[in-house]
PDB file of all heavy atoms in Angstrom:
ATOM      1  N   VAL A   1      13.490   3.628  11.115  1.00  0.00           N
ATOM      2  CA  VAL A   1      14.118   2.516  10.402  1.00  0.00           C
ATOM      3  C   VAL A   1      13.092   1.786   9.541  1.00  0.00           C
ATOM      4  O   VAL A   1      13.315   1.505   8.363  1.00  0.00           O
ATOM      5  CB  VAL A   1      14.782   1.543  11.396  1.00  0.00           C
ATOM      6  CG1 VAL A   1      15.256   0.278  10.675  1.00  0.00           C
ATOM      7  CG2 VAL A   1      15.945   2.227  12.104  1.00  0.00           C
ATOM      8  N   ALA A   2      11.927   1.476  10.142  1.00  0.00           N
ATOM      9  CA  ALA A   2      10.886   0.770   9.389  1.00  0.00           C
ATOM     10  C   ALA A   2      10.386   1.605   8.219  1.00  0.00           C
ATOM     11  O   ALA A   2      10.142   1.089   7.126  1.00  0.00           O
ATOM     12  CB  ALA A   2       9.727   0.419  10.318  1.00  0.00           C
ATOM     13  N   ALA A   3      10.232   2.924   8.431  1.00  0.00           N
ATOM     14  CA  ALA A   3       9.760   3.793   7.359  1.00  0.00           C
ATOM     15  C   ALA A   3      10.744   3.809   6.193  1.00  0.00           C
ATOM     16  O   ALA A   3      10.337   3.793   5.019  1.00  0.00           O
ATOM     17  CB  ALA A   3       9.553   5.208   7.893  1.00  0.00           C
ATOM     18  N   ALA A   4      12.037   3.819   6.504  1.00  0.00           N
ATOM     19  CA  ALA A   4      13.042   3.820   5.438  1.00  0.00           C
ATOM     20  C   ALA A   4      13.023   2.502   4.664  1.00  0.00           C
ATOM     21  O   ALA A   4      13.082   2.476   3.430  1.00  0.00           O
ATOM     22  CB  ALA A   4      14.424   4.071   6.033  1.00  0.00           C
ATOM     23  N   LEU A   5      12.929   1.381   5.386  1.00  0.00           N
ATOM     24  CA  LEU A   5      12.958   0.076   4.735  1.00  0.00           C
ATOM     25  C   LEU A   5      11.673  -0.222   3.965  1.00  0.00           C
ATOM     26  O   LEU A   5      11.690  -0.943   2.958  1.00  0.00           O
ATOM     27  CB  LEU A   5      13.193  -1.020   5.782  1.00  0.00           C
ATOM     28  CG  LEU A   5      14.553  -0.999   6.490  1.00  0.00           C
ATOM     29  CD1 LEU A   5      14.600  -2.061   7.582  1.00  0.00           C
ATOM     30  CD2 LEU A   5      15.685  -1.222   5.489  1.00  0.00           C
ATOM     31  N   LEU A   6      10.558   0.321   4.449  1.00  0.00           N
ATOM     32  CA  LEU A   6       9.267   0.009   3.844  1.00  0.00           C
ATOM     33  C   LEU A   6       8.774   1.081   2.880  1.00  0.00           C
ATOM     34  O   LEU A   6       7.663   0.956   2.350  1.00  0.00           O
ATOM     35  CB  LEU A   6       8.217  -0.179   4.950  1.00  0.00           C
ATOM     36  CG  LEU A   6       8.413  -1.392   5.853  1.00  0.00           C
ATOM     37  CD1 LEU A   6       7.462  -1.328   7.032  1.00  0.00           C
ATOM     38  CD2 LEU A   6       8.204  -2.689   5.072  1.00  0.00           C
ATOM     39  N   ALA A   7       9.575   2.105   2.647  1.00  0.00           N
ATOM     40  CA  ALA A   7       9.118   3.222   1.814  1.00  0.00           C
ATOM     41  C   ALA A   7       8.666   2.747   0.436  1.00  0.00           C
ATOM     42  O   ALA A   7       7.551   3.058  -0.014  1.00  0.00           O
ATOM     43  CB  ALA A   7      10.227   4.267   1.696  1.00  0.00           C
ATOM     44  N   TYR A   8       9.519   1.980  -0.247  1.00  0.00           N
ATOM     45  CA  TYR A   8       9.135   1.538  -1.592  1.00  0.00           C
ATOM     46  C   TYR A   8       8.008   0.507  -1.566  1.00  0.00           C
ATOM     47  O   TYR A   8       7.041   0.637  -2.335  1.00  0.00           O
ATOM     48  CB  TYR A   8      10.343   0.984  -2.341  1.00  0.00           C
ATOM     49  CG  TYR A   8       9.967   0.436  -3.705  1.00  0.00           C
ATOM     50  CD1 TYR A   8       9.624   1.288  -4.749  1.00  0.00           C
ATOM     51  CD2 TYR A   8       9.924  -0.941  -3.934  1.00  0.00           C
ATOM     52  CE1 TYR A   8       9.253   0.789  -5.995  1.00  0.00           C
ATOM     53  CE2 TYR A   8       9.552  -1.453  -5.171  1.00  0.00           C
ATOM     54  CZ  TYR A   8       9.218  -0.576  -6.199  1.00  0.00           C
ATOM     55  OH  TYR A   8       8.850  -1.078  -7.421  1.00  0.00           O
ATOM     56  N   PRO A   9       8.084  -0.540  -0.728  1.00  0.00           N
ATOM     57  CA  PRO A   9       6.961  -1.497  -0.705  1.00  0.00           C
ATOM     58  C   PRO A   9       5.623  -0.850  -0.396  1.00  0.00           C
ATOM     59  O   PRO A   9       4.606  -1.192  -1.026  1.00  0.00           O
ATOM     60  CB  PRO A   9       7.371  -2.486   0.397  1.00  0.00           C
ATOM     61  CG  PRO A   9       8.859  -2.427   0.418  1.00  0.00           C
ATOM     62  CD  PRO A   9       9.181  -0.996   0.133  1.00  0.00           C
ATOM     63  N   LEU A  10       5.578   0.099   0.542  1.00  0.00           N
ATOM     64  CA  LEU A  10       4.312   0.743   0.867  1.00  0.00           C
ATOM     65  C   LEU A  10       3.861   1.674  -0.251  1.00  0.00           C
ATOM     66  O   LEU A  10       2.658   1.798  -0.526  1.00  0.00           O
ATOM     67  CB  LEU A  10       4.429   1.504   2.189  1.00  0.00           C
ATOM     68  CG  LEU A  10       4.598   0.613   3.424  1.00  0.00           C
ATOM     69  CD1 LEU A  10       4.702   1.469   4.678  1.00  0.00           C
ATOM     70  CD2 LEU A  10       3.448  -0.378   3.561  1.00  0.00           C
ATOM     71  N   TRP A  11       4.799   2.350  -0.899  1.00  0.00           N
ATOM     72  CA  TRP A  11       4.420   3.153  -2.059  1.00  0.00           C
ATOM     73  C   TRP A  11       3.809   2.249  -3.124  1.00  0.00           C
ATOM     74  O   TRP A  11       2.787   2.585  -3.735  1.00  0.00           O
ATOM     75  CB  TRP A  11       5.637   3.864  -2.648  1.00  0.00           C
ATOM     76  CG  TRP A  11       5.294   4.593  -3.922  1.00  0.00           C
ATOM     77  CD1 TRP A  11       4.819   5.856  -4.050  1.00  0.00           C
ATOM     78  CD2 TRP A  11       5.362   4.042  -5.258  1.00  0.00           C
ATOM     79  NE1 TRP A  11       4.585   6.141  -5.377  1.00  0.00           N
ATOM     80  CE2 TRP A  11       4.906   5.050  -6.152  1.00  0.00           C
ATOM     81  CE3 TRP A  11       5.756   2.810  -5.774  1.00  0.00           C
ATOM     82  CZ2 TRP A  11       4.844   4.841  -7.517  1.00  0.00           C
ATOM     83  CZ3 TRP A  11       5.688   2.608  -7.147  1.00  0.00           C
ATOM     84  CH2 TRP A  11       5.237   3.627  -8.005  1.00  0.00           C
ATOM     85  N   PHE A  12       4.443   1.108  -3.356  1.00  0.00           N
ATOM     86  CA  PHE A  12       3.934   0.178  -4.360  1.00  0.00           C
ATOM     87  C   PHE A  12       2.546  -0.320  -3.978  1.00  0.00           C
ATOM     88  O   PHE A  12       1.660  -0.457  -4.827  1.00  0.00           O
ATOM     89  CB  PHE A  12       4.897  -1.007  -4.500  1.00  0.00           C
ATOM     90  CG  PHE A  12       4.720  -1.785  -5.778  1.00  0.00           C
ATOM     91  CD1 PHE A  12       5.486  -1.501  -6.887  1.00  0.00           C
ATOM     92  CD2 PHE A  12       3.763  -2.782  -5.874  1.00  0.00           C
ATOM     93  CE1 PHE A  12       5.323  -2.206  -8.080  1.00  0.00           C
ATOM     94  CE2 PHE A  12       3.576  -3.493  -7.047  1.00  0.00           C
ATOM     95  CZ  PHE A  12       4.367  -3.202  -8.159  1.00  0.00           C
ATOM     96  N   GLN A  13       2.329  -0.585  -2.703  1.00  0.00           N
ATOM     97  CA  GLN A  13       1.038  -1.078  -2.236  1.00  0.00           C
ATOM     98  C   GLN A  13      -0.074  -0.073  -2.487  1.00  0.00           C
ATOM     99  O   GLN A  13      -1.165  -0.441  -2.940  1.00  0.00           O
ATOM    100  CB  GLN A  13       1.120  -1.415  -0.750  1.00  0.00           C
ATOM    101  CG  GLN A  13      -0.214  -1.831  -0.139  1.00  0.00           C
ATOM    102  CD  GLN A  13      -0.079  -2.223   1.311  1.00  0.00           C
ATOM    103  OE1 GLN A  13       1.014  -2.494   1.798  1.00  0.00           O
ATOM    104  NE2 GLN A  13      -1.188  -2.247   2.036  1.00  0.00           N
ATOM    105  N   PHE A  14       0.184   1.190  -2.205  1.00  0.00           N
ATOM    106  CA  PHE A  14      -0.870   2.193  -2.256  1.00  0.00           C
ATOM    107  C   PHE A  14      -0.913   3.001  -3.550  1.00  0.00           C
ATOM    108  O   PHE A  14      -1.916   3.656  -3.828  1.00  0.00           O
ATOM    109  CB  PHE A  14      -0.728   3.149  -1.066  1.00  0.00           C
ATOM    110  CG  PHE A  14      -0.970   2.488   0.251  1.00  0.00           C
ATOM    111  CD1 PHE A  14       0.078   2.212   1.119  1.00  0.00           C
ATOM    112  CD2 PHE A  14      -2.256   2.110   0.630  1.00  0.00           C
ATOM    113  CE1 PHE A  14      -0.149   1.593   2.332  1.00  0.00           C
ATOM    114  CE2 PHE A  14      -2.490   1.490   1.841  1.00  0.00           C
ATOM    115  CZ  PHE A  14      -1.436   1.225   2.694  1.00  0.00           C
ATOM    116  N   PHE A  15       0.155   2.933  -4.358  1.00  0.00           N
ATOM    117  CA  PHE A  15       0.172   3.730  -5.581  1.00  0.00           C
ATOM    118  C   PHE A  15       0.682   2.962  -6.807  1.00  0.00           C
ATOM    119  O   PHE A  15       0.654   3.492  -7.911  1.00  0.00           O
ATOM    120  CB  PHE A  15       1.047   4.977  -5.392  1.00  0.00           C
ATOM    121  CG  PHE A  15       0.594   5.854  -4.261  1.00  0.00           C
ATOM    122  CD1 PHE A  15       1.248   5.818  -3.040  1.00  0.00           C
ATOM    123  CD2 PHE A  15      -0.504   6.697  -4.412  1.00  0.00           C
ATOM    124  CE1 PHE A  15       0.829   6.621  -1.989  1.00  0.00           C
ATOM    125  CE2 PHE A  15      -0.933   7.501  -3.361  1.00  0.00           C
ATOM    126  CZ  PHE A  15      -0.267   7.455  -2.144  1.00  0.00           C
ATOM    127  N   GLY A  16       1.148   1.737  -6.630  1.00  0.00           N
ATOM    128  CA  GLY A  16       1.693   0.969  -7.742  1.00  0.00           C
ATOM    129  C   GLY A  16       0.614   0.361  -8.609  1.00  0.00           C
ATOM    130  O   GLY A  16      -0.595   0.542  -8.373  1.00  0.00           O
ATOM    131  N   PRO A  17       0.997  -0.381  -9.640  1.00  0.00           N
ATOM    132  CA  PRO A  17       0.018  -1.023 -10.526  1.00  0.00           C
ATOM    133  C   PRO A  17      -0.918  -1.943  -9.749  1.00  0.00           C
ATOM    134  O   PRO A  17      -0.477  -2.713  -8.902  1.00  0.00           O
ATOM    135  CB  PRO A  17       0.903  -1.838 -11.490  1.00  0.00           C
ATOM    136  CG  PRO A  17       2.260  -1.226 -11.390  1.00  0.00           C
ATOM    137  CD  PRO A  17       2.385  -0.675 -10.018  1.00  0.00           C
ATOM    138  N   GLY A  18      -2.210  -1.838 -10.039  1.00  0.00           N
ATOM    139  CA  GLY A  18      -3.177  -2.689  -9.382  1.00  0.00           C
ATOM    140  C   GLY A  18      -3.548  -2.272  -7.971  1.00  0.00           C
ATOM    141  O   GLY A  18      -4.191  -3.044  -7.257  1.00  0.00           O
ATOM    142  N   HIS A  19      -3.173  -1.052  -7.571  1.00  0.00           N
ATOM    143  CA  HIS A  19      -3.537  -0.612  -6.213  1.00  0.00           C
ATOM    144  C   HIS A  19      -5.028  -0.306  -6.155  1.00  0.00           C
ATOM    145  O   HIS A  19      -5.690  -0.122  -7.181  1.00  0.00           O
ATOM    146  CB  HIS A  19      -2.734   0.617  -5.818  1.00  0.00           C
ATOM    147  CG  HIS A  19      -3.156   1.884  -6.521  1.00  0.00           C
ATOM    148  ND1 HIS A  19      -2.658   2.252  -7.750  1.00  0.00           N
ATOM    149  CD2 HIS A  19      -4.037   2.852  -6.171  1.00  0.00           C
ATOM    150  CE1 HIS A  19      -3.205   3.400  -8.119  1.00  0.00           C
ATOM    151  NE2 HIS A  19      -4.054   3.789  -7.181  1.00  0.00           N
ATOM    152  N   TYR A  20      -5.563  -0.273  -4.964  1.00  0.00           N
ATOM    153  CA  TYR A  20      -6.996  -0.036  -4.775  1.00  0.00           C
ATOM    154  C   TYR A  20      -7.212   0.776  -3.511  1.00  0.00           C
ATOM    155  O   TYR A  20      -6.273   1.031  -2.742  1.00  0.00           O
ATOM    156  CB  TYR A  20      -7.762  -1.366  -4.702  1.00  0.00           C
ATOM    157  CG  TYR A  20      -7.256  -2.310  -3.631  1.00  0.00           C
ATOM    158  CD1 TYR A  20      -7.697  -2.212  -2.311  1.00  0.00           C
ATOM    159  CD2 TYR A  20      -6.344  -3.321  -3.938  1.00  0.00           C
ATOM    160  CE1 TYR A  20      -7.232  -3.072  -1.329  1.00  0.00           C
ATOM    161  CE2 TYR A  20      -5.874  -4.181  -2.961  1.00  0.00           C
ATOM    162  CZ  TYR A  20      -6.320  -4.058  -1.667  1.00  0.00           C
ATOM    163  OH  TYR A  20      -5.855  -4.910  -0.698  1.00  0.00           O
ATOM    164  N   ARG A  21      -8.463   1.168  -3.305  1.00  0.00           N
ATOM    165  CA  ARG A  21      -8.831   1.964  -2.130  1.00  0.00           C
ATOM    166  C   ARG A  21      -9.913   1.221  -1.342  1.00  0.00           C
ATOM    167  O   ARG A  21     -10.839   0.661  -1.916  1.00  0.00           O
ATOM    168  CB  ARG A  21      -9.373   3.334  -2.555  1.00  0.00           C
ATOM    169  CG  ARG A  21      -8.357   4.198  -3.284  1.00  0.00           C
ATOM    170  CD  ARG A  21      -7.344   4.799  -2.305  1.00  0.00           C
ATOM    171  NE  ARG A  21      -6.409   5.683  -3.003  1.00  0.00           N
ATOM    172  CZ  ARG A  21      -5.207   5.318  -3.436  1.00  0.00           C
ATOM    173  NH1 ARG A  21      -4.786   4.075  -3.250  1.00  0.00           N
ATOM    174  NH2 ARG A  21      -4.423   6.166  -4.064  1.00  0.00           N
ATOM    175  N   GLY A  22      -9.791   1.245  -0.022  1.00  0.00           N
ATOM    176  CA  GLY A  22     -10.812   0.645   0.814  1.00  0.00           C
ATOM    177  C   GLY A  22     -10.753  -0.868   0.786  1.00  0.00           C
ATOM    178  O   GLY A  22      -9.724  -1.488   0.480  1.00  0.00           O
ATOM    179  N   LEU A  23     -11.882  -1.492   1.107  1.00  0.00           N
ATOM    180  CA  LEU A  23     -12.005  -2.937   1.127  1.00  0.00           C
ATOM    181  C   LEU A  23     -13.199  -3.359   0.275  1.00  0.00           C
ATOM    182  O   LEU A  23     -14.145  -2.582   0.109  1.00  0.00           O
ATOM    183  CB  LEU A  23     -12.191  -3.447   2.563  1.00  0.00           C
ATOM    184  CG  LEU A  23     -10.993  -3.284   3.506  1.00  0.00           C
ATOM    185  CD1 LEU A  23     -11.385  -3.662   4.925  1.00  0.00           C
ATOM    186  CD2 LEU A  23      -9.805  -4.125   3.039  1.00  0.00           C
ATOM    187  N   PRO A  24     -13.199  -4.584  -0.223  1.00  0.00           N
ATOM    188  CA  PRO A  24     -14.328  -5.027  -1.054  1.00  0.00           C
ATOM    189  C   PRO A  24     -15.525  -5.505  -0.241  1.00  0.00           C
ATOM    190  O   PRO A  24     -16.454  -6.088  -0.787  1.00  0.00           O
ATOM    191  CB  PRO A  24     -13.720  -6.179  -1.860  1.00  0.00           C
ATOM    192  CG  PRO A  24     -12.670  -6.728  -0.978  1.00  0.00           C
ATOM    193  CD  PRO A  24     -12.096  -5.561  -0.225  1.00  0.00           C
ATOM    194  N   PHE A  25     -15.489  -5.282   1.064  1.00  0.00           N
ATOM    195  CA  PHE A  25     -16.586  -5.690   1.929  1.00  0.00           C
ATOM    196  C   PHE A  25     -16.674  -4.708   3.088  1.00  0.00           C
ATOM    197  O   PHE A  25     -15.739  -3.928   3.333  1.00  0.00           O
ATOM    198  CB  PHE A  25     -16.370  -7.106   2.462  1.00  0.00           C
ATOM    199  CG  PHE A  25     -15.063  -7.289   3.195  1.00  0.00           C
ATOM    200  CD1 PHE A  25     -14.965  -7.055   4.566  1.00  0.00           C
ATOM    201  CD2 PHE A  25     -13.920  -7.682   2.517  1.00  0.00           C
ATOM    202  CE1 PHE A  25     -13.763  -7.204   5.234  1.00  0.00           C
ATOM    203  CE2 PHE A  25     -12.708  -7.835   3.171  1.00  0.00           C
ATOM    204  CZ  PHE A  25     -12.631  -7.595   4.531  1.00  0.00           C
ATOM    205  N   GLU A  26     -17.761  -4.738   3.794  1.00  0.00           N
ATOM    206  CA  GLU A  26     -17.959  -3.881   4.958  1.00  0.00           C
ATOM    207  C   GLU A  26     -17.415  -4.609   6.192  1.00  0.00           C
ATOM    208  O   GLU A  26     -17.973  -5.630   6.614  1.00  0.00           O
ATOM    209  CB  GLU A  26     -19.446  -3.572   5.153  1.00  0.00           C
ATOM    210  CG  GLU A  26     -19.778  -2.824   6.427  1.00  0.00           C
ATOM    211  CD  GLU A  26     -18.992  -1.531   6.579  1.00  0.00           C
ATOM    212  OE1 GLU A  26     -18.873  -0.794   5.585  1.00  0.00           O
ATOM    213  OE2 GLU A  26     -18.492  -1.265   7.700  1.00  0.00           O
ATOM    214  N   PRO A  27     -16.308  -4.122   6.798  1.00  0.00           N
ATOM    215  CA  PRO A  27     -15.732  -4.850   7.933  1.00  0.00           C
ATOM    216  C   PRO A  27     -16.724  -5.095   9.060  1.00  0.00           C
ATOM    217  O   PRO A  27     -16.716  -6.159   9.687  1.00  0.00           O
ATOM    218  CB  PRO A  27     -14.586  -3.927   8.387  1.00  0.00           C
ATOM    219  CG  PRO A  27     -14.235  -3.131   7.178  1.00  0.00           C
ATOM    220  CD  PRO A  27     -15.526  -2.934   6.442  1.00  0.00           C
TER     221      PRO A  27
END
């Protein structure tokens, strides 16, 4: 259920405009 509801938001987060990889700091 969560995967179906979050499919587009998560795609947007990881592949949409302004997406990025990693973090800007060392955790």
